[in-house]
Amino acid sequence: MLSEKRDISAVIISRLTLCRFLIYSSILSLFREFKTQNRFDYKAYKSLL
């Protein structure tokens, strides 16, 4: 019974780390896209300021 609970918690922890990794990678890719777009829109951004 106790070992079952431990296995379940390990599965939950591994799933959480997987979700965190997926969220982190998606945020990184979005940030990278934003940076590349920023390079193109830098002149427009400066003209706005």
PDB file of N, CA and C in Angstrom:
ATOM      1  N   MET A   1       0.839  -1.207   0.000  1.00  0.00           N
ATOM      2  CA  MET A   1       0.000   0.000   0.000  1.00  0.00           C
ATOM      3  C   MET A   1       0.876   1.260   0.000  1.00  0.00           C
ATOM      4  N   LEU A   2       1.855   1.263   0.891  1.00  0.00           N
ATOM      5  CA  LEU A   2       2.723   2.430   0.975  1.00  0.00           C
ATOM      6  C   LEU A   2       3.579   2.562  -0.281  1.00  0.00           C
ATOM      7  N   SER A   3       4.086   1.442  -0.783  1.00  0.00           N
ATOM      8  CA  SER A   3       4.917   1.484  -1.988  1.00  0.00           C
ATOM      9  C   SER A   3       4.095   1.951  -3.186  1.00  0.00           C
ATOM     10  N   GLU A   4       2.812   1.588  -3.221  1.00  0.00           N
ATOM     11  CA  GLU A   4       1.942   2.050  -4.300  1.00  0.00           C
ATOM     12  C   GLU A   4       1.825   3.562  -4.271  1.00  0.00           C
ATOM     13  N   LYS A   5       1.621   4.112  -3.081  1.00  0.00           N
ATOM     14  CA  LYS A   5       1.521   5.573  -2.958  1.00  0.00           C
ATOM     15  C   LYS A   5       2.814   6.237  -3.403  1.00  0.00           C
ATOM     16  N   ARG A   6       3.944   5.635  -3.048  1.00  0.00           N
ATOM     17  CA  ARG A   6       5.234   6.198  -3.434  1.00  0.00           C
ATOM     18  C   ARG A   6       5.374   6.189  -4.961  1.00  0.00           C
ATOM     19  N   ASP A   7       4.955   5.080  -5.599  1.00  0.00           N
ATOM     20  CA  ASP A   7       5.013   4.988  -7.058  1.00  0.00           C
ATOM     21  C   ASP A   7       4.134   6.045  -7.699  1.00  0.00           C
ATOM     22  N   ILE A   8       2.936   6.241  -7.147  1.00  0.00           N
ATOM     23  CA  ILE A   8       2.012   7.236  -7.698  1.00  0.00           C
ATOM     24  C   ILE A   8       2.620   8.634  -7.576  1.00  0.00           C
ATOM     25  N   SER A   9       3.214   8.931  -6.425  1.00  0.00           N
ATOM     26  CA  SER A   9       3.814  10.250  -6.240  1.00  0.00           C
ATOM     27  C   SER A   9       4.992  10.439  -7.189  1.00  0.00           C
ATOM     28  N   ALA A  10       5.760   9.385  -7.425  1.00  0.00           N
ATOM     29  CA  ALA A  10       6.875   9.480  -8.361  1.00  0.00           C
ATOM     30  C   ALA A  10       6.363   9.759  -9.765  1.00  0.00           C
ATOM     31  N   VAL A  11       5.287   9.090 -10.147  1.00  0.00           N
ATOM     32  CA  VAL A  11       4.691   9.328 -11.474  1.00  0.00           C
ATOM     33  C   VAL A  11       4.200  10.767 -11.576  1.00  0.00           C
ATOM     34  N   ILE A  12       3.547  11.262 -10.522  1.00  0.00           N
ATOM     35  CA  ILE A  12       3.034  12.638 -10.524  1.00  0.00           C
ATOM     36  C   ILE A  12       4.201  13.616 -10.650  1.00  0.00           C
ATOM     37  N   ILE A  13       5.277  13.376  -9.904  1.00  0.00           N
ATOM     38  CA  ILE A  13       6.438  14.270  -9.946  1.00  0.00           C
ATOM     39  C   ILE A  13       7.064  14.270 -11.335  1.00  0.00           C
ATOM     40  N   SER A  14       7.187  13.076 -11.938  1.00  0.00           N
ATOM     41  CA  SER A  14       7.778  13.002 -13.273  1.00  0.00           C
ATOM     42  C   SER A  14       6.897  13.720 -14.288  1.00  0.00           C
ATOM     43  N   ARG A  15       5.570  13.579 -14.141  1.00  0.00           N
ATOM     44  CA  ARG A  15       4.654  14.276 -15.054  1.00  0.00           C
ATOM     45  C   ARG A  15       4.769  15.780 -14.863  1.00  0.00           C
ATOM     46  N   LEU A  16       4.895  16.227 -13.624  1.00  0.00           N
ATOM     47  CA  LEU A  16       5.025  17.662 -13.355  1.00  0.00           C
ATOM     48  C   LEU A  16       6.304  18.212 -13.973  1.00  0.00           C
ATOM     49  N   THR A  17       7.407  17.464 -13.820  1.00  0.00           N
ATOM     50  CA  THR A  17       8.663  17.934 -14.401  1.00  0.00           C
ATOM     51  C   THR A  17       8.562  17.962 -15.918  1.00  0.00           C
ATOM     52  N   LEU A  18       7.861  16.979 -16.504  1.00  0.00           N
ATOM     53  CA  LEU A  18       7.671  16.953 -17.951  1.00  0.00           C
ATOM     54  C   LEU A  18       6.850  18.154 -18.393  1.00  0.00           C
ATOM     55  N   CYS A  19       5.776  18.454 -17.669  1.00  0.00           N
ATOM     56  CA  CYS A  19       4.946  19.619 -18.005  1.00  0.00           C
ATOM     57  C   CYS A  19       5.750  20.901 -17.871  1.00  0.00           C
ATOM     58  N   ARG A  20       6.558  20.990 -16.809  1.00  0.00           N
ATOM     59  CA  ARG A  20       7.380  22.177 -16.598  1.00  0.00           C
ATOM     60  C   ARG A  20       8.374  22.345 -17.739  1.00  0.00           C
ATOM     61  N   PHE A  21       8.966  21.233 -18.168  1.00  0.00           N
ATOM     62  CA  PHE A  21       9.919  21.282 -19.276  1.00  0.00           C
ATOM     63  C   PHE A  21       9.232  21.732 -20.552  1.00  0.00           C
ATOM     64  N   LEU A  22       8.026  21.222 -20.808  1.00  0.00           N
ATOM     65  CA  LEU A  22       7.281  21.605 -22.018  1.00  0.00           C
ATOM     66  C   LEU A  22       6.942  23.088 -21.983  1.00  0.00           C
ATOM     67  N   ILE A  23       6.470  23.572 -20.824  1.00  0.00           N
ATOM     68  CA  ILE A  23       6.120  24.989 -20.685  1.00  0.00           C
ATOM     69  C   ILE A  23       7.365  25.853 -20.878  1.00  0.00           C
ATOM     70  N   TYR A  24       8.482  25.423 -20.260  1.00  0.00           N
ATOM     71  CA  TYR A  24       9.732  26.175 -20.355  1.00  0.00           C
ATOM     72  C   TYR A  24      10.212  26.257 -21.797  1.00  0.00           C
ATOM     73  N   SER A  25      10.160  25.114 -22.512  1.00  0.00           N
ATOM     74  CA  SER A  25      10.617  25.096 -23.900  1.00  0.00           C
ATOM     75  C   SER A  25       9.719  25.956 -24.782  1.00  0.00           C
ATOM     76  N   SER A  26       8.400  25.930 -24.528  1.00  0.00           N
ATOM     77  CA  SER A  26       7.490  26.748 -25.334  1.00  0.00           C
ATOM     78  C   SER A  26       7.745  28.233 -25.078  1.00  0.00           C
ATOM     79  N   ILE A  27       7.996  28.605 -23.807  1.00  0.00           N
ATOM     80  CA  ILE A  27       8.301  30.000 -23.478  1.00  0.00           C
ATOM     81  C   ILE A  27       9.605  30.424 -24.152  1.00  0.00           C
ATOM     82  N   LEU A  28      10.597  29.514 -24.140  1.00  0.00           N
ATOM     83  CA  LEU A  28      11.873  29.825 -24.790  1.00  0.00           C
ATOM     84  C   LEU A  28      11.693  30.039 -26.274  1.00  0.00           C
ATOM     85  N   SER A  29      10.911  29.181 -26.924  1.00  0.00           N
ATOM     86  CA  SER A  29      10.692  29.328 -28.364  1.00  0.00           C
ATOM     87  C   SER A  29       9.938  30.621 -28.663  1.00  0.00           C
ATOM     88  N   LEU A  30       8.960  30.955 -27.824  1.00  0.00           N
ATOM     89  CA  LEU A  30       8.230  32.215 -28.005  1.00  0.00           C
ATOM     90  C   LEU A  30       9.167  33.404 -27.838  1.00  0.00           C
ATOM     91  N   PHE A  31      10.041  33.341 -26.842  1.00  0.00           N
ATOM     92  CA  PHE A  31      10.993  34.419 -26.608  1.00  0.00           C
ATOM     93  C   PHE A  31      11.941  34.576 -27.790  1.00  0.00           C
ATOM     94  N   ARG A  32      12.382  33.420 -28.344  1.00  0.00           N
ATOM     95  CA  ARG A  32      13.274  33.450 -29.495  1.00  0.00           C
ATOM     96  C   ARG A  32      12.581  34.085 -30.697  1.00  0.00           C
ATOM     97  N   GLU A  33      11.309  33.707 -30.910  1.00  0.00           N
ATOM     98  CA  GLU A  33      10.530  34.300 -32.001  1.00  0.00           C
ATOM     99  C   GLU A  33      10.397  35.798 -31.789  1.00  0.00           C
ATOM    100  N   PHE A  34      10.104  36.207 -30.551  1.00  0.00           N
ATOM    101  CA  PHE A  34       9.957  37.626 -30.228  1.00  0.00           C
ATOM    102  C   PHE A  34      11.250  38.374 -30.516  1.00  0.00           C
ATOM    103  N   LYS A  35      12.388  37.766 -30.153  1.00  0.00           N
ATOM    104  CA  LYS A  35      13.677  38.410 -30.390  1.00  0.00           C
ATOM    105  C   LYS A  35      13.945  38.564 -31.881  1.00  0.00           C
ATOM    106  N   THR A  36      13.647  37.529 -32.676  1.00  0.00           N
ATOM    107  CA  THR A  36      13.887  37.621 -34.112  1.00  0.00           C
ATOM    108  C   THR A  36      12.955  38.650 -34.737  1.00  0.00           C
ATOM    109  N   GLN A  37      11.706  38.716 -34.273  1.00  0.00           N
ATOM    110  CA  GLN A  37      10.781  39.727 -34.776  1.00  0.00           C
ATOM    111  C   GLN A  37      11.250  41.116 -34.364  1.00  0.00           C
ATOM    112  N   ASN A  38      11.798  41.218 -33.159  1.00  0.00           N
ATOM    113  CA  ASN A  38      12.282  42.501 -32.673  1.00  0.00           C
ATOM    114  C   ASN A  38      13.398  43.041 -33.552  1.00  0.00           C
ATOM    115  N   ARG A  39      14.263  42.154 -34.055  1.00  0.00           N
ATOM    116  CA  ARG A  39      15.336  42.587 -34.927  1.00  0.00           C
ATOM    117  C   ARG A  39      14.778  43.265 -36.167  1.00  0.00           C
ATOM    118  N   PHE A  40      13.658  42.700 -36.693  1.00  0.00           N
ATOM    119  CA  PHE A  40      13.063  43.286 -37.886  1.00  0.00           C
ATOM    120  C   PHE A  40      12.321  44.576 -37.555  1.00  0.00           C
ATOM    121  N   ASP A  41      11.654  44.611 -36.405  1.00  0.00           N
ATOM    122  CA  ASP A  41      10.823  45.756 -36.047  1.00  0.00           C
ATOM    123  C   ASP A  41      11.579  46.780 -35.202  1.00  0.00           C
ATOM    124  N   TYR A  42      12.906  46.692 -35.204  1.00  0.00           N
ATOM    125  CA  TYR A  42      13.667  47.593 -34.338  1.00  0.00           C
ATOM    126  C   TYR A  42      13.557  49.041 -34.808  1.00  0.00           C
ATOM    127  N   LYS A  43      13.627  49.254 -36.127  1.00  0.00           N
ATOM    128  CA  LYS A  43      13.519  50.618 -36.658  1.00  0.00           C
ATOM    129  C   LYS A  43      12.131  51.193 -36.395  1.00  0.00           C
ATOM    130  N   ALA A  44      11.106  50.369 -36.586  1.00  0.00           N
ATOM    131  CA  ALA A  44       9.735  50.821 -36.316  1.00  0.00           C
ATOM    132  C   ALA A  44       9.584  51.154 -34.829  1.00  0.00           C
ATOM    133  N   TYR A  45      10.189  50.316 -33.979  1.00  0.00           N
ATOM    134  CA  TYR A  45      10.130  50.548 -32.538  1.00  0.00           C
ATOM    135  C   TYR A  45      10.833  51.853 -32.174  1.00  0.00           C
ATOM    136  N   LYS A  46      11.977  52.114 -32.786  1.00  0.00           N
ATOM    137  CA  LYS A  46      12.706  53.352 -32.500  1.00  0.00           C
ATOM    138  C   LYS A  46      11.917  54.561 -32.992  1.00  0.00           C
ATOM    139  N   SER A  47      11.253  54.434 -34.144  1.00  0.00           N
ATOM    140  CA  SER A  47      10.467  55.559 -34.662  1.00  0.00           C
ATOM    141  C   SER A  47       9.274  55.847 -33.749  1.00  0.00           C
ATOM    142  N   LEU A  48       8.746  54.785 -33.077  1.00  0.00           N
ATOM    143  CA  LEU A  48       7.649  54.996 -32.134  1.00  0.00           C
ATOM    144  C   LEU A  48       8.133  55.771 -30.914  1.00  0.00           C
ATOM    145  N   LEU A  49       9.365  55.522 -30.488  1.00  0.00           N
ATOM    146  CA  LEU A  49       9.923  56.245 -29.333  1.00  0.00           C
ATOM    147  C   LEU A  49      10.394  57.617 -29.725  1.00  0.00           C
TER     148      LEU A  49
END
